């Protein structure tokens, strides 16, 4: 199995959905694979941050703080997907709001859907 398949299952597990793989198998892979361990850590941090937005939805200030905490807001750090957050870091919703990144490329999908894209 490839990491992208494990990440799809891990994403489902984080969201409370059936993972499609036994927890023991997922945990064993994460224990052995540093890249998936880092991916899982970032995904869990993002989920926790999004959950903190509250029922009323995130404010502009909250969103700015989230982006800054994930890096890429003028500090040169990387986003959750290993890229800066200048358009694609959180699902590719660039300035046009059309689901494309700042560079006009198609947005990356959910982990496991093609290229192991960013956490959504």
N, C-alpha and C. Protein backbone atom coordinates (compact mmCIF):
# COMPACT_ATOMS: atom_id res chain seq x y z
N UNK A 1 0.84 -1.20 0.00
CA UNK A 1 0.00 0.00 0.00
C UNK A 1 0.87 1.24 0.00
N UNK A 2 0.40 2.26 -0.64
CA UNK A 2 1.14 3.51 -0.71
C UNK A 2 0.68 4.47 0.38
N UNK A 3 1.55 5.42 0.71
CA UNK A 3 1.22 6.40 1.74
C UNK A 3 -0.07 7.15 1.44
N UNK A 4 -0.32 7.45 0.19
CA UNK A 4 -1.51 8.20 -0.17
C UNK A 4 -2.78 7.43 0.25
N UNK A 5 -2.75 6.12 0.18
CA UNK A 5 -3.90 5.32 0.60
C UNK A 5 -4.05 5.35 2.13
N UNK A 6 -2.93 5.31 2.84
CA UNK A 6 -3.00 5.42 4.30
C UNK A 6 -3.51 6.80 4.71
N UNK A 7 -3.08 7.83 4.00
CA UNK A 7 -3.51 9.19 4.35
C UNK A 7 -5.00 9.39 4.10
N UNK A 8 -5.53 8.75 3.08
CA UNK A 8 -6.97 8.81 2.85
C UNK A 8 -7.71 8.19 4.02
N UNK A 9 -7.23 7.05 4.47
CA UNK A 9 -7.85 6.37 5.61
C UNK A 9 -7.69 7.19 6.88
N UNK A 10 -6.53 7.78 7.08
CA UNK A 10 -6.30 8.62 8.27
C UNK A 10 -7.20 9.84 8.25
N UNK A 11 -7.37 10.45 7.09
CA UNK A 11 -8.26 11.60 6.96
C UNK A 11 -9.69 11.23 7.34
N UNK A 12 -10.14 10.09 6.86
CA UNK A 12 -11.49 9.62 7.21
C UNK A 12 -11.59 9.40 8.71
N UNK A 13 -10.58 8.78 9.30
CA UNK A 13 -10.60 8.51 10.74
C UNK A 13 -10.65 9.81 11.54
N UNK A 14 -9.88 10.80 11.14
CA UNK A 14 -9.89 12.10 11.82
C UNK A 14 -11.28 12.72 11.77
N UNK A 15 -11.96 12.55 10.64
CA UNK A 15 -13.29 13.12 10.45
C UNK A 15 -14.40 12.30 11.09
N UNK A 16 -14.04 11.19 11.73
CA UNK A 16 -15.04 10.34 12.36
C UNK A 16 -15.75 9.43 11.39
N UNK A 17 -15.20 9.28 10.20
CA UNK A 17 -15.77 8.40 9.18
C UNK A 17 -15.07 7.05 9.22
N UNK A 18 -15.69 6.02 8.65
CA UNK A 18 -15.00 4.73 8.57
C UNK A 18 -13.71 4.87 7.75
N UNK A 19 -12.62 4.37 8.30
CA UNK A 19 -11.32 4.51 7.65
C UNK A 19 -11.12 3.51 6.52
N UNK A 20 -11.82 2.41 6.58
CA UNK A 20 -11.64 1.38 5.55
C UNK A 20 -10.45 0.48 5.80
N UNK A 21 -9.68 0.78 6.83
CA UNK A 21 -8.54 -0.04 7.25
C UNK A 21 -8.59 -0.16 8.76
N UNK A 22 -8.11 -1.27 9.29
CA UNK A 22 -8.09 -1.42 10.75
C UNK A 22 -7.20 -0.36 11.41
N UNK A 23 -7.63 0.16 12.55
CA UNK A 23 -6.84 1.16 13.27
C UNK A 23 -5.43 0.66 13.54
N UNK A 24 -5.31 -0.61 13.88
CA UNK A 24 -4.00 -1.17 14.18
C UNK A 24 -3.06 -1.04 12.98
N UNK A 25 -3.58 -1.29 11.79
CA UNK A 25 -2.75 -1.19 10.58
C UNK A 25 -2.35 0.26 10.32
N UNK A 26 -3.29 1.19 10.50
CA UNK A 26 -2.98 2.61 10.34
C UNK A 26 -1.92 3.06 11.33
N UNK A 27 -2.12 2.69 12.59
CA UNK A 27 -1.18 3.09 13.64
C UNK A 27 0.21 2.52 13.40
N UNK A 28 0.27 1.29 12.91
CA UNK A 28 1.55 0.65 12.62
C UNK A 28 2.27 1.41 11.50
N UNK A 29 1.53 1.79 10.47
CA UNK A 29 2.15 2.53 9.37
C UNK A 29 2.67 3.88 9.85
N UNK A 30 1.85 4.60 10.61
CA UNK A 30 2.24 5.92 11.11
C UNK A 30 3.48 5.82 12.00
N UNK A 31 3.57 4.75 12.78
CA UNK A 31 4.74 4.56 13.65
C UNK A 31 6.01 4.36 12.83
N UNK A 32 5.89 3.78 11.66
CA UNK A 32 7.06 3.48 10.82
C UNK A 32 7.37 4.55 9.78
N UNK A 33 6.40 5.36 9.43
CA UNK A 33 6.56 6.31 8.32
C UNK A 33 6.58 7.75 8.85
N UNK A 34 7.74 8.35 8.83
CA UNK A 34 7.88 9.72 9.32
C UNK A 34 7.06 10.73 8.53
N UNK A 35 6.96 10.54 7.22
CA UNK A 35 6.20 11.47 6.38
C UNK A 35 4.71 11.43 6.74
N UNK A 36 4.18 10.24 6.95
CA UNK A 36 2.76 10.13 7.32
C UNK A 36 2.53 10.61 8.75
N UNK A 37 3.51 10.41 9.61
CA UNK A 37 3.41 10.89 10.99
C UNK A 37 3.33 12.42 11.00
N UNK A 38 4.17 13.07 10.20
CA UNK A 38 4.12 14.53 10.09
C UNK A 38 2.81 14.99 9.47
N UNK A 39 2.34 14.29 8.43
CA UNK A 39 1.07 14.62 7.78
C UNK A 39 -0.08 14.53 8.79
N UNK A 40 -0.09 13.46 9.57
CA UNK A 40 -1.15 13.26 10.56
C UNK A 40 -1.12 14.36 11.62
N UNK A 41 0.08 14.74 12.06
CA UNK A 41 0.20 15.81 13.05
C UNK A 41 -0.37 17.12 12.51
N UNK A 42 -0.03 17.46 11.27
CA UNK A 42 -0.55 18.70 10.67
C UNK A 42 -2.07 18.62 10.49
N UNK A 43 -2.56 17.47 10.06
CA UNK A 43 -4.00 17.31 9.86
C UNK A 43 -4.76 17.45 11.17
N UNK A 44 -4.23 16.87 12.23
CA UNK A 44 -4.89 16.97 13.54
C UNK A 44 -4.84 18.40 14.08
N UNK A 45 -3.72 19.10 13.86
CA UNK A 45 -3.64 20.50 14.29
C UNK A 45 -4.65 21.35 13.53
N UNK A 46 -4.75 21.13 12.24
CA UNK A 46 -5.70 21.89 11.42
C UNK A 46 -7.13 21.61 11.86
N UNK A 47 -7.45 20.35 12.09
CA UNK A 47 -8.80 20.00 12.54
C UNK A 47 -9.12 20.68 13.87
N UNK A 48 -8.17 20.66 14.80
CA UNK A 48 -8.37 21.33 16.09
C UNK A 48 -8.57 22.83 15.93
N UNK A 49 -7.79 23.43 15.05
CA UNK A 49 -7.92 24.87 14.83
C UNK A 49 -9.26 25.22 14.21
N UNK A 50 -9.69 24.43 13.25
CA UNK A 50 -10.98 24.68 12.59
C UNK A 50 -12.13 24.46 13.58
N UNK A 51 -12.01 23.45 14.42
CA UNK A 51 -13.05 23.19 15.42
C UNK A 51 -13.18 24.36 16.39
N UNK A 52 -12.10 25.10 16.59
CA UNK A 52 -12.11 26.24 17.49
C UNK A 52 -12.81 27.46 16.92
N UNK A 53 -13.25 27.40 15.68
CA UNK A 53 -13.90 28.55 15.04
C UNK A 53 -15.27 28.82 15.64
N UNK A 54 -15.91 27.81 16.19
CA UNK A 54 -17.22 28.01 16.79
C UNK A 54 -18.35 27.83 15.79
N UNK A 55 -19.56 27.77 16.32
CA UNK A 55 -20.74 27.50 15.50
C UNK A 55 -21.07 28.63 14.54
N UNK A 56 -20.71 29.85 14.89
CA UNK A 56 -21.02 31.00 14.04
C UNK A 56 -20.11 31.12 12.83
N UNK A 57 -19.15 30.23 12.74
CA UNK A 57 -18.21 30.31 11.62
C UNK A 57 -17.02 31.19 11.98
N UNK A 58 -15.98 31.06 11.23
CA UNK A 58 -14.77 31.82 11.54
C UNK A 58 -14.89 33.28 11.13
N UNK A 59 -14.35 34.15 11.98
CA UNK A 59 -14.27 35.56 11.64
C UNK A 59 -13.04 35.79 10.77
N UNK A 60 -12.94 36.94 10.18
CA UNK A 60 -11.76 37.27 9.36
C UNK A 60 -10.51 37.25 10.22
N UNK A 61 -10.62 37.75 11.46
CA UNK A 61 -9.48 37.77 12.37
C UNK A 61 -9.05 36.35 12.71
N UNK A 62 -10.03 35.48 13.00
CA UNK A 62 -9.72 34.08 13.32
C UNK A 62 -9.03 33.42 12.14
N UNK A 63 -9.55 33.65 10.93
CA UNK A 63 -8.96 33.05 9.74
C UNK A 63 -7.52 33.51 9.54
N UNK A 64 -7.27 34.80 9.76
CA UNK A 64 -5.92 35.33 9.61
C UNK A 64 -4.98 34.69 10.62
N UNK A 65 -5.46 34.51 11.86
CA UNK A 65 -4.63 33.87 12.88
C UNK A 65 -4.34 32.42 12.53
N UNK A 66 -5.34 31.72 11.99
CA UNK A 66 -5.13 30.33 11.59
C UNK A 66 -4.08 30.25 10.50
N UNK A 67 -4.22 31.08 9.48
CA UNK A 67 -3.25 31.06 8.39
C UNK A 67 -1.85 31.39 8.90
N UNK A 68 -1.75 32.35 9.80
CA UNK A 68 -0.44 32.70 10.34
C UNK A 68 0.14 31.55 11.16
N UNK A 69 -0.72 30.86 11.92
CA UNK A 69 -0.22 29.75 12.74
C UNK A 69 0.24 28.57 11.90
N UNK A 70 -0.32 28.43 10.70
CA UNK A 70 0.08 27.36 9.80
C UNK A 70 1.26 27.76 8.93
N UNK A 71 1.64 29.02 8.98
CA UNK A 71 2.78 29.49 8.20
C UNK A 71 2.34 30.03 6.86
N UNK A 72 3.25 30.73 6.22
CA UNK A 72 2.98 31.20 4.87
C UNK A 72 2.34 32.57 4.78
N UNK A 73 2.09 33.24 5.88
CA UNK A 73 1.52 34.58 5.83
C UNK A 73 2.64 35.61 5.98
N UNK A 74 3.47 35.69 4.97
CA UNK A 74 4.51 36.70 4.98
C UNK A 74 5.74 36.31 5.77
N UNK A 75 5.74 35.15 6.41
CA UNK A 75 6.90 34.76 7.20
C UNK A 75 7.76 33.73 6.49
N UNK A 76 7.37 33.33 5.28
CA UNK A 76 8.17 32.41 4.50
C UNK A 76 8.05 30.96 4.90
N UNK A 77 7.18 30.64 5.86
CA UNK A 77 7.04 29.26 6.29
C UNK A 77 6.10 28.51 5.37
N UNK A 78 6.06 27.20 5.56
CA UNK A 78 5.25 26.33 4.72
C UNK A 78 3.88 26.11 5.34
N UNK A 79 2.90 25.82 4.49
CA UNK A 79 1.55 25.51 4.94
C UNK A 79 1.40 24.03 5.22
N UNK A 80 0.18 23.59 5.50
CA UNK A 80 -0.08 22.21 5.87
C UNK A 80 0.26 21.22 4.78
N UNK A 81 0.31 21.65 3.55
CA UNK A 81 0.60 20.73 2.45
C UNK A 81 2.03 20.85 1.96
N UNK A 82 2.88 21.55 2.73
CA UNK A 82 4.26 21.71 2.35
C UNK A 82 4.49 22.86 1.38
N UNK A 83 3.45 23.62 1.08
CA UNK A 83 3.56 24.78 0.21
C UNK A 83 3.21 26.01 1.03
N UNK A 84 3.58 27.17 0.55
CA UNK A 84 3.10 28.38 1.17
C UNK A 84 1.59 28.45 0.99
N UNK A 85 0.92 29.24 1.79
CA UNK A 85 -0.54 29.29 1.73
C UNK A 85 -1.04 30.41 0.82
N UNK A 86 -0.26 30.81 -0.14
CA UNK A 86 -0.63 31.91 -1.00
C UNK A 86 -1.75 31.61 -1.97
N UNK A 87 -2.44 30.53 -1.85
CA UNK A 87 -3.55 30.27 -2.75
C UNK A 87 -3.97 28.83 -2.73
N UNK A 88 -3.04 27.91 -2.49
CA UNK A 88 -3.41 26.51 -2.55
C UNK A 88 -3.29 25.79 -1.23
N UNK A 89 -2.72 26.38 -0.21
CA UNK A 89 -2.43 25.67 1.02
C UNK A 89 -3.63 25.08 1.72
N UNK A 90 -4.79 25.68 1.58
CA UNK A 90 -5.97 25.16 2.27
C UNK A 90 -7.04 24.76 1.26
N UNK A 91 -6.63 24.09 0.22
CA UNK A 91 -7.61 23.56 -0.70
C UNK A 91 -7.65 24.25 -2.04
N UNK A 92 -6.80 25.23 -2.25
CA UNK A 92 -6.69 25.82 -3.57
C UNK A 92 -7.68 26.92 -3.88
N UNK A 93 -8.35 27.46 -2.89
CA UNK A 93 -9.27 28.55 -3.17
C UNK A 93 -8.48 29.85 -3.23
N UNK A 94 -8.02 30.16 -4.41
CA UNK A 94 -7.20 31.33 -4.63
C UNK A 94 -8.04 32.59 -4.69
N UNK A 95 -7.44 33.68 -5.11
CA UNK A 95 -8.11 34.97 -5.12
C UNK A 95 -9.41 35.00 -5.90
N UNK A 96 -9.55 34.17 -6.92
CA UNK A 96 -10.76 34.17 -7.72
C UNK A 96 -11.93 33.46 -7.08
N UNK A 97 -11.69 32.71 -6.00
CA UNK A 97 -12.75 31.98 -5.33
C UNK A 97 -13.38 30.90 -6.19
N UNK A 98 -12.69 30.50 -7.25
CA UNK A 98 -13.24 29.52 -8.18
C UNK A 98 -12.70 28.12 -7.96
N UNK A 99 -12.04 27.90 -6.83
CA UNK A 99 -11.49 26.58 -6.56
C UNK A 99 -10.13 26.36 -7.20
N UNK A 100 -9.59 27.39 -7.81
CA UNK A 100 -8.26 27.29 -8.41
C UNK A 100 -7.27 28.04 -7.53
N UNK A 101 -6.04 27.64 -7.61
CA UNK A 101 -5.00 28.28 -6.83
C UNK A 101 -4.66 29.66 -7.38
N UNK A 102 -3.79 30.36 -6.65
CA UNK A 102 -3.39 31.70 -7.05
C UNK A 102 -2.74 31.71 -8.43
N UNK A 103 -2.12 30.59 -8.80
CA UNK A 103 -1.47 30.51 -10.10
C UNK A 103 -2.41 30.03 -11.20
N UNK A 104 -3.70 29.83 -10.88
CA UNK A 104 -4.67 29.41 -11.86
C UNK A 104 -4.78 27.91 -12.05
N UNK A 105 -3.93 27.15 -11.32
CA UNK A 105 -3.98 25.70 -11.47
C UNK A 105 -5.18 25.13 -10.73
N UNK A 106 -5.57 23.93 -11.11
CA UNK A 106 -6.69 23.27 -10.45
C UNK A 106 -6.31 23.00 -9.00
N UNK A 107 -7.28 23.09 -8.13
CA UNK A 107 -7.05 22.85 -6.70
C UNK A 107 -6.70 21.40 -6.45
N UNK A 108 -5.84 21.18 -5.48
CA UNK A 108 -5.51 19.82 -5.08
C UNK A 108 -6.69 19.22 -4.34
N UNK A 109 -6.84 17.93 -4.44
CA UNK A 109 -7.98 17.27 -3.82
C UNK A 109 -7.72 16.79 -2.41
N UNK A 110 -8.65 16.02 -1.92
CA UNK A 110 -8.53 15.43 -0.60
C UNK A 110 -7.38 14.43 -0.63
N UNK A 111 -6.67 14.28 0.49
CA UNK A 111 -5.57 13.32 0.50
C UNK A 111 -6.02 11.97 -0.04
N UNK A 112 -5.22 11.43 -0.93
CA UNK A 112 -5.54 10.15 -1.52
C UNK A 112 -6.25 10.26 -2.85
N UNK A 113 -6.61 11.44 -3.24
CA UNK A 113 -7.31 11.62 -4.49
C UNK A 113 -6.35 12.18 -5.53
N UNK A 114 -5.46 11.35 -6.00
CA UNK A 114 -4.56 11.76 -7.06
C UNK A 114 -3.17 12.07 -6.56
N UNK A 115 -3.00 13.18 -5.87
CA UNK A 115 -1.66 13.60 -5.53
C UNK A 115 -1.40 13.76 -4.05
N UNK A 116 -2.27 13.27 -3.18
CA UNK A 116 -2.05 13.43 -1.75
C UNK A 116 -2.15 14.88 -1.33
N UNK A 117 -3.11 15.60 -1.88
CA UNK A 117 -3.26 17.04 -1.69
C UNK A 117 -3.46 17.44 -0.24
N UNK A 118 -3.74 18.69 -0.02
CA UNK A 118 -3.85 19.22 1.33
C UNK A 118 -5.05 18.68 2.08
N UNK A 119 -4.98 18.83 3.36
CA UNK A 119 -6.09 18.42 4.23
C UNK A 119 -7.25 19.36 3.99
N UNK A 120 -8.44 18.82 3.90
CA UNK A 120 -9.61 19.65 3.70
C UNK A 120 -10.58 19.46 4.81
